[in-house]
Protein backbone atom coordinates (compact mmCIF):
# COMPACT_ATOMS: atom_id res chain seq x y z
CA MET A 1 98.35 108.74 117.41
CA LYS A 2 97.33 111.19 114.72
CA PRO A 3 96.51 109.50 111.38
CA LYS A 4 98.81 110.32 108.50
CA ALA A 5 97.48 112.46 105.68
CA PRO A 6 97.07 110.67 102.32
CA SER A 7 99.75 112.93 100.84
CA ASP A 8 102.20 111.74 103.53
CA LEU A 9 101.40 108.14 102.67
CA LEU A 10 101.86 108.82 98.96
CA ALA A 11 105.34 110.23 99.59
CA ARG A 12 106.27 107.17 101.68
CA PHE A 13 104.91 104.73 99.06
CA ARG A 14 106.78 106.52 96.26
CA LYS A 15 110.02 106.52 98.26
CA THR A 16 109.61 102.79 98.90
CA ALA A 17 108.78 102.08 95.24
CA GLU A 18 111.89 103.95 94.07
CA GLN A 19 114.25 101.86 96.21
CA PRO A 20 116.17 99.17 94.33
CA LYS A 21 114.61 95.74 94.52
CA PRO A 22 116.68 93.02 96.22
CA MET A 23 118.14 90.50 93.81
CA ALA A 24 116.76 86.98 93.92
CA VAL A 25 119.17 84.33 95.11
CA ALA A 26 118.93 80.84 93.68
CA ALA A 27 118.29 78.12 96.23
CA PRO A 28 121.03 75.50 96.50
CA GLU A 29 120.38 72.25 94.67
CA VAL A 30 118.89 69.53 96.86
CA GLU A 31 120.24 66.05 96.28
CA SER A 32 117.05 64.19 97.17
CA PRO A 33 114.42 63.84 94.42
CA ALA A 34 111.64 64.75 96.88
CA PRO A 35 109.17 67.33 95.57
CA ARG A 36 109.54 70.83 96.93
CA ALA A 37 107.05 71.86 99.59
CA LYS A 38 104.88 74.86 98.84
CA PRO A 39 106.05 77.85 100.91
CA LYS A 40 103.85 78.71 103.84
CA MET A 41 101.89 81.90 103.29
CA VAL A 42 101.81 84.69 105.86
CA ARG A 43 98.59 86.62 106.48
CA TYR A 44 98.33 90.00 108.13
CA THR A 45 95.47 92.35 108.87
CA LEU A 46 95.59 96.09 108.42
CA ASP A 47 92.86 98.45 109.64
CA LEU A 48 92.50 101.53 107.41
CA GLU A 49 90.17 104.46 107.28
CA PRO A 50 88.05 104.55 104.07
CA ALA A 51 90.14 107.38 102.56
CA GLN A 52 93.38 105.47 103.21
CA HIS A 53 91.88 102.31 101.71
CA ARG A 54 90.83 104.16 98.52
CA PHE A 55 94.29 105.69 98.28
CA LEU A 56 96.03 102.31 98.68
CA LYS A 57 93.77 100.65 96.09
CA ARG A 58 94.39 103.48 93.60
CA PHE A 59 98.15 103.41 94.28
CA ALA A 60 98.27 99.65 93.65
CA LEU A 61 96.21 100.01 90.47
CA GLU A 62 98.53 102.71 89.11
CA ALA A 63 101.60 100.65 90.05
CA GLY A 64 100.12 97.57 88.33
CA VAL A 65 100.32 95.34 91.41
CA ASP A 66 97.85 93.52 93.63
CA ALA A 67 96.62 95.49 96.60
């Protein structure tokens, strides 16, 4: 599979960033006074070429979000 050019990735990231964000839905009230459990985190691994990694870090920095 041919790697995508950084400009292709930029267009995809911008298109994704321009999409409306889903609205948060309040969780229903729970009758028991038990403390809420912390949500389980999901970890994933992504292998990038150095140029793609630099691009993603710069894109996140400019968007003001964590990479």
